[in-house]
C-alpha cells in the first residue's frame, strides 16, 4: 500500500478511515482542516499521530502547543486532554488500539463509530 494513495477518495474532514491493523491496533488515516475536534481524551489508550502532509496544531491541556509538520510523530498518552486543528489541508496517520473511541467519550457532530471508519 502506498500511504499517500490511501487518501484518494477520502473527502470528509475529521472522519478517520481504517486502512489496516497490526495485532490489537488499527492504522487509520484522516484529513484535518479547521477546528472541529473538541477537547477529549482516551481513558485507557495511547494515540499515535504521524503527519503525512501539511501542518497540524496539537493542543495538549496544561502544556505548550505543538506545531507538527510533515514527518513528525507524537504519542498522546492515555488520559491526556487534547485536540487538533489545521488551517490548511493536513493528512495524518493514526495508530490506535481497536477499543479507542474516535474522540473519547465526547459526542459531537464529527463523532464516528468504528463501523463508520472501516474502509
N, C-alpha and C. Protein backbone atom coordinates (compact mmCIF):
# COMPACT_ATOMS: atom_id res chain seq x y z
N UNK A 1 0.85 -1.18 0.00
CA UNK A 1 0.00 0.00 0.00
C UNK A 1 0.89 1.24 0.00
N UNK A 2 0.52 2.20 -0.79
CA UNK A 2 1.18 3.50 -0.76
C UNK A 2 0.34 4.39 0.14
N UNK A 3 0.95 4.92 1.19
CA UNK A 3 0.21 5.69 2.19
C UNK A 3 -0.50 6.90 1.57
N UNK A 4 0.18 7.63 0.70
CA UNK A 4 -0.46 8.80 0.10
C UNK A 4 -1.63 8.40 -0.79
N UNK A 5 -1.53 7.27 -1.48
CA UNK A 5 -2.64 6.80 -2.32
C UNK A 5 -3.86 6.43 -1.48
N UNK A 6 -3.64 6.05 -0.23
CA UNK A 6 -4.76 5.66 0.65
C UNK A 6 -5.73 6.82 0.87
N UNK A 7 -5.28 8.04 0.67
CA UNK A 7 -6.14 9.21 0.87
C UNK A 7 -7.06 9.49 -0.31
N UNK A 8 -6.82 8.82 -1.44
CA UNK A 8 -7.67 9.03 -2.62
C UNK A 8 -9.11 8.65 -2.26
N UNK A 9 -10.02 9.56 -2.52
CA UNK A 9 -11.43 9.32 -2.23
C UNK A 9 -11.85 9.70 -0.82
N UNK A 10 -10.90 10.04 0.04
CA UNK A 10 -11.23 10.47 1.40
C UNK A 10 -11.53 11.97 1.35
N UNK A 11 -12.80 12.31 1.28
CA UNK A 11 -13.21 13.70 1.10
C UNK A 11 -13.53 14.41 2.41
N UNK A 12 -14.16 13.71 3.34
CA UNK A 12 -14.63 14.34 4.57
C UNK A 12 -13.48 14.60 5.54
N UNK A 13 -13.50 15.78 6.13
CA UNK A 13 -12.53 16.12 7.16
C UNK A 13 -12.97 15.50 8.49
N UNK A 14 -11.99 15.23 9.36
CA UNK A 14 -12.23 14.71 10.71
C UNK A 14 -13.00 13.40 10.70
N UNK A 15 -12.80 12.60 9.66
CA UNK A 15 -13.52 11.34 9.51
C UNK A 15 -12.51 10.22 9.24
N UNK A 16 -11.92 9.66 10.29
CA UNK A 16 -10.87 8.65 10.11
C UNK A 16 -11.35 7.45 9.29
N UNK A 17 -10.40 6.88 8.52
CA UNK A 17 -10.65 5.66 7.76
C UNK A 17 -9.62 4.63 8.21
N UNK A 18 -10.09 3.45 8.57
CA UNK A 18 -9.19 2.36 8.94
C UNK A 18 -8.62 1.76 7.66
N UNK A 19 -7.28 1.72 7.56
CA UNK A 19 -6.65 1.19 6.36
C UNK A 19 -5.87 -0.10 6.63
N UNK A 20 -5.75 -0.49 7.89
CA UNK A 20 -5.04 -1.71 8.21
C UNK A 20 -5.08 -1.97 9.71
N UNK A 21 -4.50 -3.09 10.08
CA UNK A 21 -4.42 -3.42 11.50
C UNK A 21 -3.17 -4.23 11.77
N UNK A 22 -2.64 -4.05 12.96
CA UNK A 22 -1.49 -4.78 13.44
C UNK A 22 -1.82 -5.21 14.85
N UNK A 23 -1.91 -6.53 15.05
CA UNK A 23 -2.29 -7.07 16.36
C UNK A 23 -3.58 -6.41 16.84
N UNK A 24 -3.56 -5.72 17.96
CA UNK A 24 -4.77 -5.10 18.50
C UNK A 24 -4.82 -3.61 18.21
N UNK A 25 -4.15 -3.17 17.15
CA UNK A 25 -4.09 -1.76 16.78
C UNK A 25 -4.69 -1.55 15.39
N UNK A 26 -5.41 -0.44 15.22
CA UNK A 26 -5.85 -0.02 13.89
C UNK A 26 -4.89 1.03 13.36
N UNK A 27 -4.64 0.99 12.08
CA UNK A 27 -3.92 2.05 11.38
C UNK A 27 -4.99 2.85 10.65
N UNK A 28 -5.05 4.15 10.93
CA UNK A 28 -6.10 5.00 10.37
C UNK A 28 -5.47 6.19 9.66
N UNK A 29 -6.21 6.72 8.70
CA UNK A 29 -5.83 7.97 8.07
C UNK A 29 -6.99 8.95 8.23
N UNK A 30 -6.66 10.24 8.18
CA UNK A 30 -7.70 11.27 8.26
C UNK A 30 -7.19 12.55 7.62
N UNK A 31 -8.14 13.35 7.18
CA UNK A 31 -7.85 14.70 6.69
C UNK A 31 -8.34 15.69 7.74
N UNK A 32 -7.52 16.67 8.04
CA UNK A 32 -7.86 17.68 9.05
C UNK A 32 -7.83 19.05 8.39
N UNK A 33 -8.84 19.85 8.66
CA UNK A 33 -8.84 21.26 8.27
C UNK A 33 -9.91 21.95 9.10
N UNK A 34 -9.51 22.99 9.80
CA UNK A 34 -10.42 23.70 10.68
C UNK A 34 -10.24 23.30 12.12
N UNK A 35 -11.24 23.65 12.94
CA UNK A 35 -11.16 23.38 14.38
C UNK A 35 -12.40 22.64 14.86
N UNK A 36 -12.66 21.49 14.29
CA UNK A 36 -13.86 20.73 14.61
C UNK A 36 -13.71 19.81 15.82
N UNK A 37 -12.48 19.45 16.16
CA UNK A 37 -12.26 18.45 17.21
C UNK A 37 -12.37 19.09 18.59
N UNK A 38 -13.31 18.61 19.42
CA UNK A 38 -13.41 19.15 20.77
C UNK A 38 -12.31 18.57 21.68
N UNK A 39 -12.09 19.23 22.81
CA UNK A 39 -11.17 18.70 23.81
C UNK A 39 -11.67 17.31 24.20
N UNK A 40 -10.76 16.35 24.28
CA UNK A 40 -11.13 14.99 24.65
C UNK A 40 -9.89 14.23 25.11
N UNK A 41 -10.12 13.05 25.66
CA UNK A 41 -9.01 12.15 25.99
C UNK A 41 -9.47 10.72 25.78
N UNK A 42 -8.53 9.83 25.82
CA UNK A 42 -8.82 8.40 25.72
C UNK A 42 -8.36 7.79 27.04
N UNK A 43 -9.31 7.37 27.84
CA UNK A 43 -9.02 6.94 29.21
C UNK A 43 -8.00 5.82 29.31
N UNK A 44 -8.05 4.87 28.38
CA UNK A 44 -7.24 3.66 28.52
C UNK A 44 -6.25 3.42 27.39
N UNK A 45 -6.17 4.33 26.42
CA UNK A 45 -5.34 4.07 25.25
C UNK A 45 -4.47 5.27 24.90
N UNK A 46 -3.23 4.98 24.49
CA UNK A 46 -2.37 5.99 23.88
C UNK A 46 -2.81 6.15 22.42
N UNK A 47 -2.43 7.27 21.79
CA UNK A 47 -2.81 7.54 20.41
C UNK A 47 -1.60 8.13 19.69
N UNK A 48 -1.19 7.48 18.59
CA UNK A 48 -0.04 7.95 17.83
C UNK A 48 -0.51 8.77 16.63
N UNK A 49 0.08 9.96 16.46
CA UNK A 49 -0.18 10.85 15.33
C UNK A 49 1.08 10.93 14.49
N UNK A 50 0.95 10.75 13.18
CA UNK A 50 2.05 10.93 12.23
C UNK A 50 1.56 11.86 11.13
N UNK A 51 2.32 12.91 10.83
CA UNK A 51 1.91 13.89 9.83
C UNK A 51 2.45 13.46 8.47
N UNK A 52 1.53 13.16 7.55
CA UNK A 52 1.89 12.73 6.20
C UNK A 52 2.11 13.94 5.29
N UNK A 53 1.22 14.92 5.39
CA UNK A 53 1.31 16.17 4.61
C UNK A 53 0.71 17.30 5.44
N UNK A 54 1.25 18.49 5.30
CA UNK A 54 0.66 19.66 5.94
C UNK A 54 1.22 19.93 7.32
N UNK A 55 0.48 20.77 8.05
CA UNK A 55 0.86 21.19 9.40
C UNK A 55 -0.34 21.02 10.32
N UNK A 56 -0.10 20.50 11.50
CA UNK A 56 -1.14 20.23 12.48
C UNK A 56 -0.81 20.96 13.78
N UNK A 57 -1.81 21.61 14.34
CA UNK A 57 -1.67 22.19 15.67
C UNK A 57 -2.18 21.16 16.67
N UNK A 58 -1.30 20.70 17.54
CA UNK A 58 -1.64 19.75 18.58
C UNK A 58 -1.70 20.52 19.89
N UNK A 59 -2.89 20.61 20.46
CA UNK A 59 -3.06 21.28 21.74
C UNK A 59 -3.18 20.22 22.83
N UNK A 60 -2.36 20.35 23.85
CA UNK A 60 -2.35 19.44 24.99
C UNK A 60 -2.65 20.29 26.22
N UNK A 61 -3.64 19.88 26.99
CA UNK A 61 -4.03 20.65 28.17
C UNK A 61 -2.84 20.84 29.11
N UNK A 62 -2.64 22.09 29.56
CA UNK A 62 -1.58 22.45 30.50
C UNK A 62 -0.17 22.27 29.97
N UNK A 63 -0.01 22.28 28.64
CA UNK A 63 1.31 22.20 28.01
C UNK A 63 1.36 23.18 26.85
N UNK A 64 2.53 23.58 26.44
CA UNK A 64 2.62 24.45 25.25
C UNK A 64 2.11 23.72 24.01
N UNK A 65 1.49 24.48 23.10
CA UNK A 65 1.01 23.90 21.85
C UNK A 65 2.18 23.36 21.04
N UNK A 66 1.90 22.33 20.26
CA UNK A 66 2.90 21.75 19.36
C UNK A 66 2.49 22.03 17.92
N UNK A 67 3.40 22.50 17.11
CA UNK A 67 3.18 22.64 15.68
C UNK A 67 3.86 21.45 15.03
N UNK A 68 3.07 20.55 14.49
CA UNK A 68 3.61 19.34 13.87
C UNK A 68 3.62 19.52 12.36
N UNK A 69 4.71 19.10 11.73
CA UNK A 69 4.88 19.22 10.28
C UNK A 69 5.12 17.85 9.66
N UNK A 70 5.11 17.82 8.35
CA UNK A 70 5.30 16.58 7.60
C UNK A 70 6.47 15.79 8.18
N UNK A 71 6.22 14.51 8.47
CA UNK A 71 7.24 13.63 9.01
C UNK A 71 7.29 13.57 10.53
N UNK A 72 6.58 14.49 11.22
CA UNK A 72 6.58 14.49 12.69
C UNK A 72 5.66 13.40 13.23
N UNK A 73 6.03 12.89 14.38
CA UNK A 73 5.27 11.85 15.07
C UNK A 73 5.13 12.25 16.53
N UNK A 74 3.96 12.02 17.10
CA UNK A 74 3.74 12.35 18.51
C UNK A 74 2.76 11.34 19.09
N UNK A 75 3.02 10.91 20.32
CA UNK A 75 2.12 10.00 21.02
C UNK A 75 1.44 10.75 22.16
N UNK A 76 0.10 10.79 22.10
CA UNK A 76 -0.69 11.36 23.19
C UNK A 76 -0.96 10.21 24.16
N UNK A 77 -0.51 10.36 25.38
CA UNK A 77 -0.67 9.32 26.38
C UNK A 77 -2.12 9.24 26.86
N UNK A 78 -2.51 8.06 27.29
CA UNK A 78 -3.87 7.86 27.77
C UNK A 78 -4.20 8.84 28.88
N UNK A 79 -5.45 9.31 28.87
CA UNK A 79 -5.94 10.22 29.90
C UNK A 79 -5.57 11.68 29.71
N UNK A 80 -4.80 12.01 28.67
CA UNK A 80 -4.35 13.39 28.44
C UNK A 80 -5.35 14.11 27.54
N UNK A 81 -5.90 15.23 28.01
CA UNK A 81 -6.83 16.03 27.20
C UNK A 81 -6.07 16.69 26.06
N UNK A 82 -6.65 16.59 24.86
CA UNK A 82 -6.01 17.14 23.68
C UNK A 82 -7.05 17.45 22.62
N UNK A 83 -6.62 18.23 21.63
CA UNK A 83 -7.42 18.46 20.43
C UNK A 83 -6.46 18.89 19.33
N UNK A 84 -6.91 18.72 18.09
CA UNK A 84 -6.08 19.05 16.94
C UNK A 84 -6.84 19.96 15.99
N UNK A 85 -6.08 20.74 15.21
CA UNK A 85 -6.68 21.59 14.19
C UNK A 85 -5.62 21.90 13.15
N UNK A 86 -6.07 22.45 12.02
CA UNK A 86 -5.17 22.84 10.96
C UNK A 86 -5.85 23.92 10.12
N UNK A 87 -5.09 24.92 9.71
CA UNK A 87 -5.67 25.99 8.89
C UNK A 87 -5.76 25.57 7.42
N UNK A 88 -4.93 24.65 6.98
CA UNK A 88 -4.94 24.12 5.60
C UNK A 88 -5.09 22.61 5.66
N UNK A 89 -5.30 21.99 4.52
CA UNK A 89 -5.41 20.53 4.48
C UNK A 89 -4.19 19.89 5.15
N UNK A 90 -4.46 18.95 6.03
CA UNK A 90 -3.41 18.20 6.71
C UNK A 90 -3.80 16.72 6.67
N UNK A 91 -2.89 15.88 6.22
CA UNK A 91 -3.12 14.45 6.16
C UNK A 91 -2.36 13.80 7.31
N UNK A 92 -3.09 13.02 8.10
CA UNK A 92 -2.46 12.37 9.25
C UNK A 92 -2.70 10.86 9.20
N UNK A 93 -1.80 10.14 9.85
CA UNK A 93 -1.98 8.73 10.11
C UNK A 93 -2.05 8.56 11.61
N UNK A 94 -2.96 7.73 12.06
CA UNK A 94 -3.13 7.44 13.48
C UNK A 94 -2.91 5.96 13.72
N UNK A 95 -2.33 5.61 14.83
CA UNK A 95 -2.29 4.22 15.27
C UNK A 95 -2.92 4.20 16.65
N UNK A 96 -3.99 3.42 16.75
CA UNK A 96 -4.79 3.40 17.98
C UNK A 96 -5.22 1.97 18.28
N UNK A 97 -5.42 1.68 19.56
CA UNK A 97 -6.00 0.40 19.96
C UNK A 97 -7.37 0.26 19.33
N UNK A 98 -7.77 -0.97 19.06
CA UNK A 98 -9.08 -1.20 18.44
C UNK A 98 -10.22 -0.74 19.33
N UNK A 99 -9.96 -0.54 20.60
CA UNK A 99 -11.00 -0.09 21.53
C UNK A 99 -11.11 1.43 21.62
N UNK A 100 -10.21 2.16 20.95
CA UNK A 100 -10.18 3.61 21.07
C UNK A 100 -11.38 4.24 20.38
N UNK A 101 -12.16 5.01 21.14
CA UNK A 101 -13.28 5.74 20.58
C UNK A 101 -12.76 6.99 19.88
N UNK A 102 -13.41 7.37 18.79
CA UNK A 102 -12.95 8.45 17.92
C UNK A 102 -12.52 9.69 18.69
N UNK A 103 -13.37 10.27 19.46
CA UNK A 103 -12.99 11.42 20.29
C UNK A 103 -13.36 11.15 21.74
N UNK A 104 -12.90 9.99 22.19
CA UNK A 104 -13.14 9.61 23.58
C UNK A 104 -14.63 9.49 23.88
N UNK A 105 -15.01 9.90 25.06
CA UNK A 105 -16.41 9.83 25.48
C UNK A 105 -17.21 11.04 25.00
N UNK A 106 -16.54 12.01 24.39
CA UNK A 106 -17.20 13.22 23.89
C UNK A 106 -18.00 12.86 22.64
N UNK A 107 -19.21 13.34 22.54
CA UNK A 107 -20.03 13.14 21.35
C UNK A 107 -20.22 14.50 20.68
N UNK A 108 -19.97 14.54 19.38
CA UNK A 108 -20.13 15.78 18.63
C UNK A 108 -20.57 15.44 17.21
N UNK A 109 -20.73 16.45 16.39
CA UNK A 109 -21.16 16.25 15.00
C UNK A 109 -20.14 15.43 14.20
N UNK A 110 -18.89 15.40 14.62
CA UNK A 110 -17.87 14.67 13.87
C UNK A 110 -17.62 13.26 14.40
N UNK A 111 -18.25 12.88 15.50
CA UNK A 111 -18.01 11.56 16.10
C UNK A 111 -18.32 10.45 15.11
N UNK A 112 -17.38 9.53 14.95
CA UNK A 112 -17.54 8.38 14.06
C UNK A 112 -17.34 7.09 14.84
N UNK A 113 -18.24 6.14 14.64
CA UNK A 113 -18.09 4.83 15.27
C UNK A 113 -17.00 4.06 14.52
N UNK A 114 -16.53 2.97 15.09
CA UNK A 114 -15.56 2.12 14.41
C UNK A 114 -16.13 1.64 13.09
N UNK A 115 -17.39 1.25 13.07
CA UNK A 115 -18.02 0.77 11.84
C UNK A 115 -17.98 1.84 10.74
N UNK A 116 -18.16 3.08 11.10
CA UNK A 116 -18.12 4.18 10.13
C UNK A 116 -16.71 4.45 9.63
N UNK A 117 -15.70 3.96 10.35
CA UNK A 117 -14.31 4.20 9.97
C UNK A 117 -13.75 3.08 9.08
N UNK A 118 -14.46 1.97 8.98
CA UNK A 118 -13.96 0.86 8.17
C UNK A 118 -13.95 1.21 6.70
N UNK A 119 -12.91 0.81 6.01
CA UNK A 119 -12.74 1.11 4.59
C UNK A 119 -13.47 0.08 3.76
